[in-house]
Amino acid sequence: HSTTSMSEEQRIEAAEAEVASLKEQIQQIRASKQKNTMGAIAASKGPLREIRKPIKMRRTLKGHFGKVYAMHWAGDSQSLVSASQDGKLIIWNAYTTNKTSAIPLRSSWVMTC
């Protein structure tokens, strides 16, 4: 019975040592990332290329009955959410221009989404 408990103790010690090692690795990675500033990273990439073509409208999304105050892209780069004075948030599929969801809000004064 003592050899079994000893092996359990050894496994616990090994696991604790591994956790300590992983924590140290995480701290080292965080420290290396904190040394860089946004300006330094941007400067290392070189100058931005100039957009020479004028930006033109590709699609018109129709569905709000009031002024649209805000529009944001979702993380999937395929969906949009728009907020309007009509008190609705609308989620759009940007490729098909179809409404995915319309969320009515209690207040008609939606300032951002």
PDB file of N, CA and C in Angstrom:
ATOM      1  N   HIS A   1       0.828  -1.211   0.000  1.00  0.00           N
ATOM      2  CA  HIS A   1       0.000   0.000   0.000  1.00  0.00           C
ATOM      3  C   HIS A   1       0.860   1.259   0.000  1.00  0.00           C
ATOM      4  N   SER A   2       2.025   1.238   0.638  1.00  0.00           N
ATOM      5  CA  SER A   2       2.884   2.414   0.695  1.00  0.00           C
ATOM      6  C   SER A   2       3.486   2.744  -0.664  1.00  0.00           C
ATOM      7  N   THR A   3       3.754   1.733  -1.515  1.00  0.00           N
ATOM      8  CA  THR A   3       4.291   2.013  -2.849  1.00  0.00           C
ATOM      9  C   THR A   3       3.243   2.667  -3.724  1.00  0.00           C
ATOM     10  N   THR A   4       1.966   2.297  -3.536  1.00  0.00           N
ATOM     11  CA  THR A   4       0.893   2.909  -4.307  1.00  0.00           C
ATOM     12  C   THR A   4       0.740   4.370  -3.944  1.00  0.00           C
ATOM     13  N   SER A   5       0.726   4.689  -2.649  1.00  0.00           N
ATOM     14  CA  SER A   5       0.586   6.079  -2.246  1.00  0.00           C
ATOM     15  C   SER A   5       1.819   6.880  -2.634  1.00  0.00           C
ATOM     16  N   MET A   6       2.974   6.250  -2.626  1.00  0.00           N
ATOM     17  CA  MET A   6       4.197   6.936  -3.037  1.00  0.00           C
ATOM     18  C   MET A   6       4.120   7.294  -4.528  1.00  0.00           C
ATOM     19  N   SER A   7       3.642   6.373  -5.346  1.00  0.00           N
ATOM     20  CA  SER A   7       3.543   6.672  -6.773  1.00  0.00           C
ATOM     21  C   SER A   7       2.515   7.769  -7.020  1.00  0.00           C
ATOM     22  N   GLU A   8       1.459   7.805  -6.223  1.00  0.00           N
ATOM     23  CA  GLU A   8       0.488   8.885  -6.350  1.00  0.00           C
ATOM     24  C   GLU A   8       1.124  10.213  -5.978  1.00  0.00           C
ATOM     25  N   GLU A   9       1.907  10.214  -4.916  1.00  0.00           N
ATOM     26  CA  GLU A   9       2.608  11.438  -4.509  1.00  0.00           C
ATOM     27  C   GLU A   9       3.574  11.892  -5.596  1.00  0.00           C
ATOM     28  N   GLN A  10       4.262  10.936  -6.183  1.00  0.00           N
ATOM     29  CA  GLN A  10       5.206  11.274  -7.260  1.00  0.00           C
ATOM     30  C   GLN A  10       4.464  11.839  -8.468  1.00  0.00           C
ATOM     31  N   ARG A  11       3.316  11.264  -8.774  1.00  0.00           N
ATOM     32  CA  ARG A  11       2.530  11.774  -9.900  1.00  0.00           C
ATOM     33  C   ARG A  11       2.025  13.181  -9.610  1.00  0.00           C
ATOM     34  N   ILE A  12       1.615  13.422  -8.380  1.00  0.00           N
ATOM     35  CA  ILE A  12       1.150  14.762  -8.001  1.00  0.00           C
ATOM     36  C   ILE A  12       2.295  15.756  -8.102  1.00  0.00           C
ATOM     37  N   GLU A  13       3.466  15.377  -7.603  1.00  0.00           N
ATOM     38  CA  GLU A  13       4.643  16.264  -7.693  1.00  0.00           C
ATOM     39  C   GLU A  13       5.011  16.539  -9.142  1.00  0.00           C
ATOM     40  N   ALA A  14       4.955  15.498  -9.990  1.00  0.00           N
ATOM     41  CA  ALA A  14       5.270  15.677 -11.408  1.00  0.00           C
ATOM     42  C   ALA A  14       4.262  16.604 -12.074  1.00  0.00           C
ATOM     43  N   ALA A  15       2.977  16.448 -11.719  1.00  0.00           N
ATOM     44  CA  ALA A  15       1.945  17.316 -12.289  1.00  0.00           C
ATOM     45  C   ALA A  15       2.141  18.756 -11.836  1.00  0.00           C
ATOM     46  N   GLU A  16       2.477  18.950 -10.558  1.00  0.00           N
ATOM     47  CA  GLU A  16       2.719  20.301 -10.051  1.00  0.00           C
ATOM     48  C   GLU A  16       3.925  20.933 -10.735  1.00  0.00           C
ATOM     49  N   ALA A  17       4.968  20.138 -10.980  1.00  0.00           N
ATOM     50  CA  ALA A  17       6.156  20.650 -11.681  1.00  0.00           C
ATOM     51  C   ALA A  17       5.802  21.039 -13.111  1.00  0.00           C
ATOM     52  N   GLU A  18       4.966  20.232 -13.764  1.00  0.00           N
ATOM     53  CA  GLU A  18       4.558  20.546 -15.134  1.00  0.00           C
ATOM     54  C   GLU A  18       3.723  21.824 -15.173  1.00  0.00           C
ATOM     55  N   VAL A  19       2.822  21.997 -14.210  1.00  0.00           N
ATOM     56  CA  VAL A  19       2.008  23.209 -14.129  1.00  0.00           C
ATOM     57  C   VAL A  19       2.905  24.423 -13.938  1.00  0.00           C
ATOM     58  N   ALA A  20       3.885  24.319 -13.053  1.00  0.00           N
ATOM     59  CA  ALA A  20       4.810  25.434 -12.826  1.00  0.00           C
ATOM     60  C   ALA A  20       5.591  25.764 -14.094  1.00  0.00           C
ATOM     61  N   SER A  21       6.009  24.734 -14.825  1.00  0.00           N
ATOM     62  CA  SER A  21       6.736  24.950 -16.079  1.00  0.00           C
ATOM     63  C   SER A  21       5.853  25.646 -17.115  1.00  0.00           C
ATOM     64  N   LEU A  22       4.606  25.206 -17.227  1.00  0.00           N
ATOM     65  CA  LEU A  22       3.685  25.826 -18.186  1.00  0.00           C
ATOM     66  C   LEU A  22       3.385  27.276 -17.817  1.00  0.00           C
ATOM     67  N   LYS A  23       3.219  27.551 -16.526  1.00  0.00           N
ATOM     68  CA  LYS A  23       3.001  28.934 -16.094  1.00  0.00           C
ATOM     69  C   LYS A  23       4.182  29.814 -16.465  1.00  0.00           C
ATOM     70  N   GLU A  24       5.393  29.290 -16.285  1.00  0.00           N
ATOM     71  CA  GLU A  24       6.600  30.048 -16.639  1.00  0.00           C
ATOM     72  C   GLU A  24       6.642  30.327 -18.146  1.00  0.00           C
ATOM     73  N   GLN A  25       6.284  29.337 -18.948  1.00  0.00           N
ATOM     74  CA  GLN A  25       6.254  29.529 -20.406  1.00  0.00           C
ATOM     75  C   GLN A  25       5.240  30.596 -20.794  1.00  0.00           C
ATOM     76  N   ILE A  26       4.070  30.581 -20.164  1.00  0.00           N
ATOM     77  CA  ILE A  26       3.039  31.579 -20.448  1.00  0.00           C
ATOM     78  C   ILE A  26       3.543  32.970 -20.086  1.00  0.00           C
ATOM     79  N   GLN A  27       4.187  33.100 -18.936  1.00  0.00           N
ATOM     80  CA  GLN A  27       4.722  34.397 -18.515  1.00  0.00           C
ATOM     81  C   GLN A  27       5.785  34.903 -19.476  1.00  0.00           C
ATOM     82  N   GLN A  28       6.640  34.008 -19.973  1.00  0.00           N
ATOM     83  CA  GLN A  28       7.677  34.409 -20.928  1.00  0.00           C
ATOM     84  C   GLN A  28       7.059  34.884 -22.236  1.00  0.00           C
ATOM     85  N   ILE A  29       6.046  34.186 -22.716  1.00  0.00           N
ATOM     86  CA  ILE A  29       5.386  34.585 -23.972  1.00  0.00           C
ATOM     87  C   ILE A  29       4.693  35.927 -23.794  1.00  0.00           C
ATOM     88  N   ARG A  30       3.986  36.107 -22.673  1.00  0.00           N
ATOM     89  CA  ARG A  30       3.331  37.393 -22.413  1.00  0.00           C
ATOM     90  C   ARG A  30       4.346  38.524 -22.346  1.00  0.00           C
ATOM     91  N   ALA A  31       5.462  38.287 -21.668  1.00  0.00           N
ATOM     92  CA  ALA A  31       6.491  39.325 -21.546  1.00  0.00           C
ATOM     93  C   ALA A  31       7.055  39.696 -22.915  1.00  0.00           C
ATOM     94  N   SER A  32       7.263  38.707 -23.780  1.00  0.00           N
ATOM     95  CA  SER A  32       7.808  39.010 -25.110  1.00  0.00           C
ATOM     96  C   SER A  32       6.806  39.787 -25.954  1.00  0.00           C
ATOM     97  N   LYS A  33       5.507  39.513 -25.779  1.00  0.00           N
ATOM     98  CA  LYS A  33       4.482  40.222 -26.545  1.00  0.00           C
ATOM     99  C   LYS A  33       4.277  41.644 -26.023  1.00  0.00           C
ATOM    100  N   GLN A  34       4.465  41.870 -24.723  1.00  0.00           N
ATOM    101  CA  GLN A  34       4.242  43.188 -24.150  1.00  0.00           C
ATOM    102  C   GLN A  34       5.332  44.174 -24.547  1.00  0.00           C
ATOM    103  N   LYS A  35       6.463  43.683 -24.999  1.00  0.00           N
ATOM    104  CA  LYS A  35       7.550  44.574 -25.406  1.00  0.00           C
ATOM    105  C   LYS A  35       7.204  45.324 -26.689  1.00  0.00           C
ATOM    106  N   ASN A  36       6.334  44.733 -27.491  1.00  0.00           N
ATOM    107  CA  ASN A  36       5.961  45.348 -28.766  1.00  0.00           C
ATOM    108  C   ASN A  36       4.784  46.288 -28.574  1.00  0.00           C
ATOM    109  N   THR A  37       4.887  47.454 -29.184  1.00  0.00           N
ATOM    110  CA  THR A  37       3.770  48.385 -29.193  1.00  0.00           C
ATOM    111  C   THR A  37       3.116  48.339 -30.561  1.00  0.00           C
ATOM    112  N   MET A  38       1.904  48.835 -30.646  1.00  0.00           N
ATOM    113  CA  MET A  38       1.195  48.855 -31.921  1.00  0.00           C
ATOM    114  C   MET A  38       1.979  49.662 -32.949  1.00  0.00           C
ATOM    115  N   GLY A  39       2.562  50.786 -32.514  1.00  0.00           N
ATOM    116  CA  GLY A  39       3.348  51.619 -33.424  1.00  0.00           C
ATOM    117  C   GLY A  39       4.571  50.896 -33.950  1.00  0.00           C
ATOM    118  N   ALA A  40       5.247  50.152 -33.081  1.00  0.00           N
ATOM    119  CA  ALA A  40       6.441  49.420 -33.507  1.00  0.00           C
ATOM    120  C   ALA A  40       6.090  48.320 -34.501  1.00  0.00           C
ATOM    121  N   ILE A  41       5.000  47.638 -34.243  1.00  0.00           N
ATOM    122  CA  ILE A  41       4.575  46.573 -35.166  1.00  0.00           C
ATOM    123  C   ILE A  41       4.180  47.173 -36.513  1.00  0.00           C
ATOM    124  N   ALA A  42       3.430  48.275 -36.501  1.00  0.00           N
ATOM    125  CA  ALA A  42       3.014  48.920 -37.748  1.00  0.00           C
ATOM    126  C   ALA A  42       4.224  49.430 -38.519  1.00  0.00           C
ATOM    127  N   ALA A  43       5.201  50.002 -37.817  1.00  0.00           N
ATOM    128  CA  ALA A  43       6.401  50.522 -38.489  1.00  0.00           C
ATOM    129  C   ALA A  43       7.206  49.392 -39.121  1.00  0.00           C
ATOM    130  N   SER A  44       7.208  48.223 -38.504  1.00  0.00           N
ATOM    131  CA  SER A  44       7.977  47.103 -39.040  1.00  0.00           C
ATOM    132  C   SER A  44       7.357  46.539 -40.310  1.00  0.00           C
ATOM    133  N   LYS A  45       6.094  46.818 -40.548  1.00  0.00           N
ATOM    134  CA  LYS A  45       5.404  46.297 -41.734  1.00  0.00           C
ATOM    135  C   LYS A  45       5.597  47.180 -42.959  1.00  0.00           C
ATOM    136  N   GLY A  46       6.180  48.350 -42.780  1.00  0.00           N
ATOM    137  CA  GLY A  46       6.384  49.246 -43.901  1.00  0.00           C
ATOM    138  C   GLY A  46       5.180  50.130 -44.146  1.00  0.00           C
ATOM    139  N   PRO A  47       5.262  51.011 -45.134  1.00  0.00           N
ATOM    140  CA  PRO A  47       4.155  51.934 -45.385  1.00  0.00           C
ATOM    141  C   PRO A  47       2.933  51.205 -45.955  1.00  0.00           C
ATOM    142  N   LEU A  48       1.768  51.745 -45.663  1.00  0.00           N
ATOM    143  CA  LEU A  48       0.541  51.195 -46.216  1.00  0.00           C
ATOM    144  C   LEU A  48       0.438  51.564 -47.694  1.00  0.00           C
ATOM    145  N   ARG A  49      -0.097  50.662 -48.460  1.00  0.00           N
ATOM    146  CA  ARG A  49      -0.249  50.982 -49.884  1.00  0.00           C
ATOM    147  C   ARG A  49      -1.451  51.898 -50.061  1.00  0.00           C
ATOM    148  N   GLU A  50      -1.349  52.734 -51.031  1.00  0.00           N
ATOM    149  CA  GLU A  50      -2.403  53.710 -51.281  1.00  0.00           C
ATOM    150  C   GLU A  50      -3.536  53.068 -52.065  1.00  0.00           C
ATOM    151  N   ILE A  51      -4.759  53.410 -51.699  1.00  0.00           N
ATOM    152  CA  ILE A  51      -5.921  52.940 -52.441  1.00  0.00           C
ATOM    153  C   ILE A  51      -6.186  53.962 -53.538  1.00  0.00           C
ATOM    154  N   ARG A  52      -6.029  53.550 -54.756  1.00  0.00           N
ATOM    155  CA  ARG A  52      -6.175  54.500 -55.876  1.00  0.00           C
ATOM    156  C   ARG A  52      -7.571  54.479 -56.478  1.00  0.00           C
ATOM    157  N   LYS A  53      -8.243  53.369 -56.371  1.00  0.00           N
ATOM    158  CA  LYS A  53      -9.581  53.293 -56.935  1.00  0.00           C
ATOM    159  C   LYS A  53     -10.567  53.905 -55.947  1.00  0.00           C
ATOM    160  N   PRO A  54     -11.536  54.646 -56.442  1.00  0.00           N
ATOM    161  CA  PRO A  54     -12.541  55.178 -55.517  1.00  0.00           C
ATOM    162  C   PRO A  54     -13.404  54.035 -54.979  1.00  0.00           C
ATOM    163  N   ILE A  55     -13.788  54.163 -53.737  1.00  0.00           N
ATOM    164  CA  ILE A  55     -14.645  53.151 -53.133  1.00  0.00           C
ATOM    165  C   ILE A  55     -16.054  53.341 -53.676  1.00  0.00           C
ATOM    166  N   LYS A  56     -16.659  52.256 -54.131  1.00  0.00           N
ATOM    167  CA  LYS A  56     -18.019  52.377 -54.656  1.00  0.00           C
ATOM    168  C   LYS A  56     -18.953  51.427 -53.923  1.00  0.00           C
ATOM    169  N   MET A  57     -20.198  51.825 -53.876  1.00  0.00           N
ATOM    170  CA  MET A  57     -21.213  51.048 -53.195  1.00  0.00           C
ATOM    171  C   MET A  57     -21.500  49.783 -53.994  1.00  0.00           C
ATOM    172  N   ARG A  58     -21.528  48.657 -53.284  1.00  0.00           N
ATOM    173  CA  ARG A  58     -21.785  47.377 -53.939  1.00  0.00           C
ATOM    174  C   ARG A  58     -23.210  46.884 -53.701  1.00  0.00           C
ATOM    175  N   ARG A  59     -23.703  47.053 -52.484  1.00  0.00           N
ATOM    176  CA  ARG A  59     -25.028  46.559 -52.124  1.00  0.00           C
ATOM    177  C   ARG A  59     -25.728  47.586 -51.233  1.00  0.00           C
ATOM    178  N   THR A  60     -27.037  47.608 -51.296  1.00  0.00           N
ATOM    179  CA  THR A  60     -27.843  48.403 -50.384  1.00  0.00           C
ATOM    180  C   THR A  60     -28.683  47.442 -49.571  1.00  0.00           C
ATOM    181  N   LEU A  61     -28.557  47.534 -48.261  1.00  0.00           N
ATOM    182  CA  LEU A  61     -29.335  46.674 -47.372  1.00  0.00           C
ATOM    183  C   LEU A  61     -30.587  47.430 -46.963  1.00  0.00           C
ATOM    184  N   LYS A  62     -31.744  46.882 -47.301  1.00  0.00           N
ATOM    185  CA  LYS A  62     -33.013  47.556 -47.017  1.00  0.00           C
ATOM    186  C   LYS A  62     -33.746  46.813 -45.921  1.00  0.00           C
ATOM    187  N   GLY A  63     -34.233  47.578 -44.921  1.00  0.00           N
ATOM    188  CA  GLY A  63     -34.985  46.937 -43.860  1.00  0.00           C
ATOM    189  C   GLY A  63     -35.269  47.843 -42.684  1.00  0.00           C
ATOM    190  N   HIS A  64     -34.469  48.863 -42.469  1.00  0.00           N
ATOM    191  CA  HIS A  64     -34.724  49.780 -41.364  1.00  0.00           C
ATOM    192  C   HIS A  64     -35.706  50.859 -41.795  1.00  0.00           C
ATOM    193  N   PHE A  65     -36.490  51.366 -40.809  1.00  0.00           N
ATOM    194  CA  PHE A  65     -37.438  52.433 -41.084  1.00  0.00           C
ATOM    195  C   PHE A  65     -36.993  53.764 -40.492  1.00  0.00           C
ATOM    196  N   GLY A  66     -35.837  53.783 -39.882  1.00  0.00           N
ATOM    197  CA  GLY A  66     -35.291  55.007 -39.298  1.00  0.00           C
ATOM    198  C   GLY A  66     -33.836  55.152 -39.699  1.00  0.00           C
ATOM    199  N   LYS A  67     -33.213  56.205 -39.205  1.00  0.00           N
ATOM    200  CA  LYS A  67     -31.804  56.433 -39.500  1.00  0.00           C
ATOM    201  C   LYS A  67     -30.959  55.324 -38.895  1.00  0.00           C
ATOM    202  N   VAL A  68     -29.978  54.868 -39.642  1.00  0.00           N
ATOM    203  CA  VAL A  68     -29.049  53.858 -39.146  1.00  0.00           C
ATOM    204  C   VAL A  68     -27.920  54.585 -38.440  1.00  0.00           C
ATOM    205  N   TYR A  69     -27.748  54.260 -37.171  1.00  0.00           N
ATOM    206  CA  TYR A  69     -26.732  54.923 -36.361  1.00  0.00           C
ATOM    207  C   TYR A  69     -25.407  54.184 -36.329  1.00  0.00           C
ATOM    208  N   ALA A  70     -25.438  52.868 -36.476  1.00  0.00           N
ATOM    209  CA  ALA A  70     -24.190  52.105 -36.378  1.00  0.00           C
ATOM    210  C   ALA A  70     -24.313  50.822 -37.182  1.00  0.00           C
ATOM    211  N   MET A  71     -23.156  50.357 -37.660  1.00  0.00           N
ATOM    212  CA  MET A  71     -23.074  49.102 -38.383  1.00  0.00           C
ATOM    213  C   MET A  71     -21.709  48.512 -38.072  1.00  0.00           C
ATOM    214  N   HIS A  72     -21.677  47.230 -37.737  1.00  0.00           N
ATOM    215  CA  HIS A  72     -20.413  46.571 -37.430  1.00  0.00           C
ATOM    216  C   HIS A  72     -20.368  45.198 -38.075  1.00  0.00           C
ATOM    217  N   TRP A  73     -19.166  44.811 -38.499  1.00  0.00           N
ATOM    218  CA  TRP A  73     -18.942  43.479 -39.034  1.00  0.00           C
ATOM    219  C   TRP A  73     -18.825  42.497 -37.882  1.00  0.00           C
ATOM    220  N   ALA A  74     -19.338  41.311 -38.070  1.00  0.00           N
ATOM    221  CA  ALA A  74     -19.186  40.240 -37.083  1.00  0.00           C
ATOM    222  C   ALA A  74     -17.811  39.607 -37.267  1.00  0.00           C
ATOM    223  N   GLY A  75     -17.417  38.805 -36.309  1.00  0.00           N
ATOM    224  CA  GLY A  75     -16.110  38.161 -36.357  1.00  0.00           C
ATOM    225  C   GLY A  75     -15.957  37.186 -37.504  1.00  0.00           C
ATOM    226  N   ASP A  76     -17.058  36.687 -38.054  1.00  0.00           N
ATOM    227  CA  ASP A  76     -16.971  35.723 -39.158  1.00  0.00           C
ATOM    228  C   ASP A  76     -16.771  36.397 -40.516  1.00  0.00           C
ATOM    229  N   SER A  77     -16.735  37.721 -40.551  1.00  0.00           N
ATOM    230  CA  SER A  77     -16.561  38.509 -41.789  1.00  0.00           C
ATOM    231  C   SER A  77     -17.632  38.215 -42.835  1.00  0.00           C
ATOM    232  N   GLN A  78     -18.721  37.642 -42.410  1.00  0.00           N
ATOM    233  CA  GLN A  78     -19.810  37.337 -43.330  1.00  0.00           C
ATOM    234  C   GLN A  78     -21.101  38.006 -42.877  1.00  0.00           C
ATOM    235  N   SER A  79     -21.190  38.317 -41.604  1.00  0.00           N
ATOM    236  CA  SER A  79     -22.413  38.899 -41.056  1.00  0.00           C
ATOM    237  C   SER A  79     -22.175  40.335 -40.620  1.00  0.00           C
ATOM    238  N   LEU A  80     -23.246  41.113 -40.665  1.00  0.00           N
ATOM    239  CA  LEU A  80     -23.234  42.501 -40.197  1.00  0.00           C
ATOM    240  C   LEU A  80     -24.343  42.657 -39.186  1.00  0.00           C
ATOM    241  N   VAL A  81     -24.185  43.631 -38.288  1.00  0.00           N
ATOM    242  CA  VAL A  81     -25.293  44.015 -37.413  1.00  0.00           C
ATOM    243  C   VAL A  81     -25.452  45.519 -37.566  1.00  0.00           C
ATOM    244  N   SER A  82     -26.686  45.961 -37.693  1.00  0.00           N
ATOM    245  CA  SER A  82     -26.955  47.389 -37.825  1.00  0.00           C
ATOM    246  C   SER A  82     -27.956  47.799 -36.757  1.00  0.00           C
ATOM    247  N   ALA A  83     -27.785  49.031 -36.261  1.00  0.00           N
ATOM    248  CA  ALA A  83     -28.676  49.585 -35.241  1.00  0.00           C
ATOM    249  C   ALA A  83     -29.308  50.841 -35.803  1.00  0.00           C
ATOM    250  N   SER A  84     -30.605  50.983 -35.576  1.00  0.00           N
ATOM    251  CA  SER A  84     -31.334  52.089 -36.176  1.00  0.00           C
ATOM    252  C   SER A  84     -32.193  52.817 -35.165  1.00  0.00           C
ATOM    253  N   GLN A  85     -32.605  54.033 -35.562  1.00  0.00           N
ATOM    254  CA  GLN A  85     -33.509  54.846 -34.764  1.00  0.00           C
ATOM    255  C   GLN A  85     -34.884  54.186 -34.652  1.00  0.00           C
ATOM    256  N   ASP A  86     -35.172  53.245 -35.521  1.00  0.00           N
ATOM    257  CA  ASP A  86     -36.460  52.561 -35.451  1.00  0.00           C
ATOM    258  C   ASP A  86     -36.527  51.559 -34.298  1.00  0.00           C
ATOM    259  N   GLY A  87     -35.431  51.419 -33.538  1.00  0.00           N
ATOM    260  CA  GLY A  87     -35.431  50.550 -32.374  1.00  0.00           C
ATOM    261  C   GLY A  87     -35.169  49.093 -32.677  1.00  0.00           C
ATOM    262  N   LYS A  88     -34.550  48.827 -33.803  1.00  0.00           N
ATOM    263  CA  LYS A  88     -34.258  47.445 -34.167  1.00  0.00           C
ATOM    264  C   LYS A  88     -32.770  47.258 -34.418  1.00  0.00           C
ATOM    265  N   LEU A  89     -32.291  46.097 -34.003  1.00  0.00           N
ATOM    266  CA  LEU A  89     -30.971  45.613 -34.426  1.00  0.00           C
ATOM    267  C   LEU A  89     -31.255  44.579 -35.494  1.00  0.00           C
ATOM    268  N   ILE A  90     -30.602  44.695 -36.618  1.00  0.00           N
ATOM    269  CA  ILE A  90     -30.798  43.712 -37.682  1.00  0.00           C
ATOM    270  C   ILE A  90     -29.456  43.062 -37.973  1.00  0.00           C
ATOM    271  N   ILE A  91     -29.492  41.735 -38.018  1.00  0.00           N
ATOM    272  CA  ILE A  91     -28.300  40.977 -38.387  1.00  0.00           C
ATOM    273  C   ILE A  91     -28.472  40.555 -39.831  1.00  0.00           C
ATOM    274  N   TRP A  92     -27.450  40.839 -40.637  1.00  0.00           N
ATOM    275  CA  TRP A  92     -27.514  40.625 -42.081  1.00  0.00           C
ATOM    276  C   TRP A  92     -26.476  39.597 -42.512  1.00  0.00           C
ATOM    277  N   ASN A  93     -26.802  38.855 -43.563  1.00  0.00           N
ATOM    278  CA  ASN A  93     -25.811  38.051 -44.262  1.00  0.00           C
ATOM    279  C   ASN A  93     -25.275  38.950 -45.370  1.00  0.00           C
ATOM    280  N   ALA A  94     -24.016  39.309 -45.294  1.00  0.00           N
ATOM    281  CA  ALA A  94     -23.454  40.281 -46.226  1.00  0.00           C
ATOM    282  C   ALA A  94     -23.355  39.737 -47.648  1.00  0.00           C
ATOM    283  N   TYR A  95     -23.246  38.422 -47.797  1.00  0.00           N
ATOM    284  CA  TYR A  95     -23.121  37.856 -49.140  1.00  0.00           C
ATOM    285  C   TYR A  95     -24.453  37.836 -49.870  1.00  0.00           C
ATOM    286  N   THR A  96     -25.524  37.480 -49.157  1.00  0.00           N
ATOM    287  CA  THR A  96     -26.831  37.373 -49.809  1.00  0.00           C
ATOM    288  C   THR A  96     -27.670  38.635 -49.635  1.00  0.00           C
ATOM    289  N   THR A  97     -27.273  39.531 -48.735  1.00  0.00           N
ATOM    290  CA  THR A  97     -27.982  40.753 -48.341  1.00  0.00           C
ATOM    291  C   THR A  97     -29.319  40.455 -47.655  1.00  0.00           C
ATOM    292  N   ASN A  98     -29.529  39.223 -47.224  1.00  0.00           N
ATOM    293  CA  ASN A  98     -30.759  38.852 -46.526  1.00  0.00           C
ATOM    294  C   ASN A  98     -30.623  39.137 -45.035  1.00  0.00           C
ATOM    295  N   LYS A  99     -31.763  39.433 -44.401  1.00  0.00           N
ATOM    296  CA  LYS A  99     -31.798  39.598 -42.952  1.00  0.00           C
ATOM    297  C   LYS A  99     -31.744  38.217 -42.315  1.00  0.00           C
ATOM    298  N   THR A 100     -30.855  38.061 -41.357  1.00  0.00           N
ATOM    299  CA  THR A 100     -30.786  36.813 -40.600  1.00  0.00           C
ATOM    300  C   THR A 100     -31.707  36.892 -39.402  1.00  0.00           C
ATOM    301  N   SER A 101     -31.662  38.038 -38.696  1.00  0.00           N
ATOM    302  CA  SER A 101     -32.503  38.253 -37.519  1.00  0.00           C
ATOM    303  C   SER A 101     -32.820  39.728 -37.392  1.00  0.00           C
ATOM    304  N   ALA A 102     -33.985  40.008 -36.835  1.00  0.00           N
ATOM    305  CA  ALA A 102     -34.358  41.376 -36.482  1.00  0.00           C
ATOM    306  C   ALA A 102     -34.721  41.355 -35.004  1.00  0.00           C
ATOM    307  N   ILE A 103     -34.038  42.171 -34.225  1.00  0.00           N
ATOM    308  CA  ILE A 103     -34.231  42.168 -32.782  1.00  0.00           C
ATOM    309  C   ILE A 103     -34.869  43.489 -32.369  1.00  0.00           C
ATOM    310  N   PRO A 104     -36.149  43.474 -31.960  1.00  0.00           N
ATOM    311  CA  PRO A 104     -36.774  44.716 -31.498  1.00  0.00           C
ATOM    312  C   PRO A 104     -36.270  45.054 -30.097  1.00  0.00           C
ATOM    313  N   LEU A 105     -36.017  46.317 -29.859  1.00  0.00           N
ATOM    314  CA  LEU A 105     -35.519  46.783 -28.558  1.00  0.00           C
ATOM    315  C   LEU A 105     -36.580  47.606 -27.842  1.00  0.00           C
ATOM    316  N   ARG A 106     -36.440  47.756 -26.546  1.00  0.00           N
ATOM    317  CA  ARG A 106     -37.412  48.493 -25.761  1.00  0.00           C
ATOM    318  C   ARG A 106     -37.407  49.975 -26.096  1.00  0.00           C
ATOM    319  N   SER A 107     -36.244  50.488 -26.407  1.00  0.00           N
ATOM    320  CA  SER A 107     -36.114  51.916 -26.708  1.00  0.00           C
ATOM    321  C   SER A 107     -35.821  52.097 -28.191  1.00  0.00           C
ATOM    322  N   SER A 108     -36.363  53.156 -28.759  1.00  0.00           N
ATOM    323  CA  SER A 108     -36.066  53.419 -30.158  1.00  0.00           C
ATOM    324  C   SER A 108     -34.733  54.140 -30.317  1.00  0.00           C
ATOM    325  N   TRP A 109     -34.116  54.545 -29.225  1.00  0.00           N
ATOM    326  CA  TRP A 109     -32.848  55.269 -29.301  1.00  0.00           C
ATOM    327  C   TRP A 109     -31.683  54.317 -29.132  1.00  0.00           C
ATOM    328  N   VAL A 110     -31.310  53.726 -30.250  1.00  0.00           N
ATOM    329  CA  VAL A 110     -30.160  52.834 -30.293  1.00  0.00           C
ATOM    330  C   VAL A 110     -28.996  53.649 -30.827  1.00  0.00           C
ATOM    331  N   MET A 111     -27.974  53.790 -30.038  1.00  0.00           N
ATOM    332  CA  MET A 111     -26.854  54.642 -30.455  1.00  0.00           C
ATOM    333  C   MET A 111     -25.685  53.826 -31.014  1.00  0.00           C
ATOM    334  N   THR A 112     -25.579  52.580 -30.670  1.00  0.00           N
ATOM    335  CA  THR A 112     -24.480  51.757 -31.174  1.00  0.00           C
ATOM    336  C   THR A 112     -24.861  50.301 -31.064  1.00  0.00           C
ATOM    337  N   CYS A 113     -24.089  49.457 -31.727  1.00  0.00           N
ATOM    338  CA  CYS A 113     -24.351  48.020 -31.639  1.00  0.00           C
ATOM    339  C   CYS A 113     -23.075  47.283 -31.391  1.00  0.00           C
TER     340      CYS A 113
END
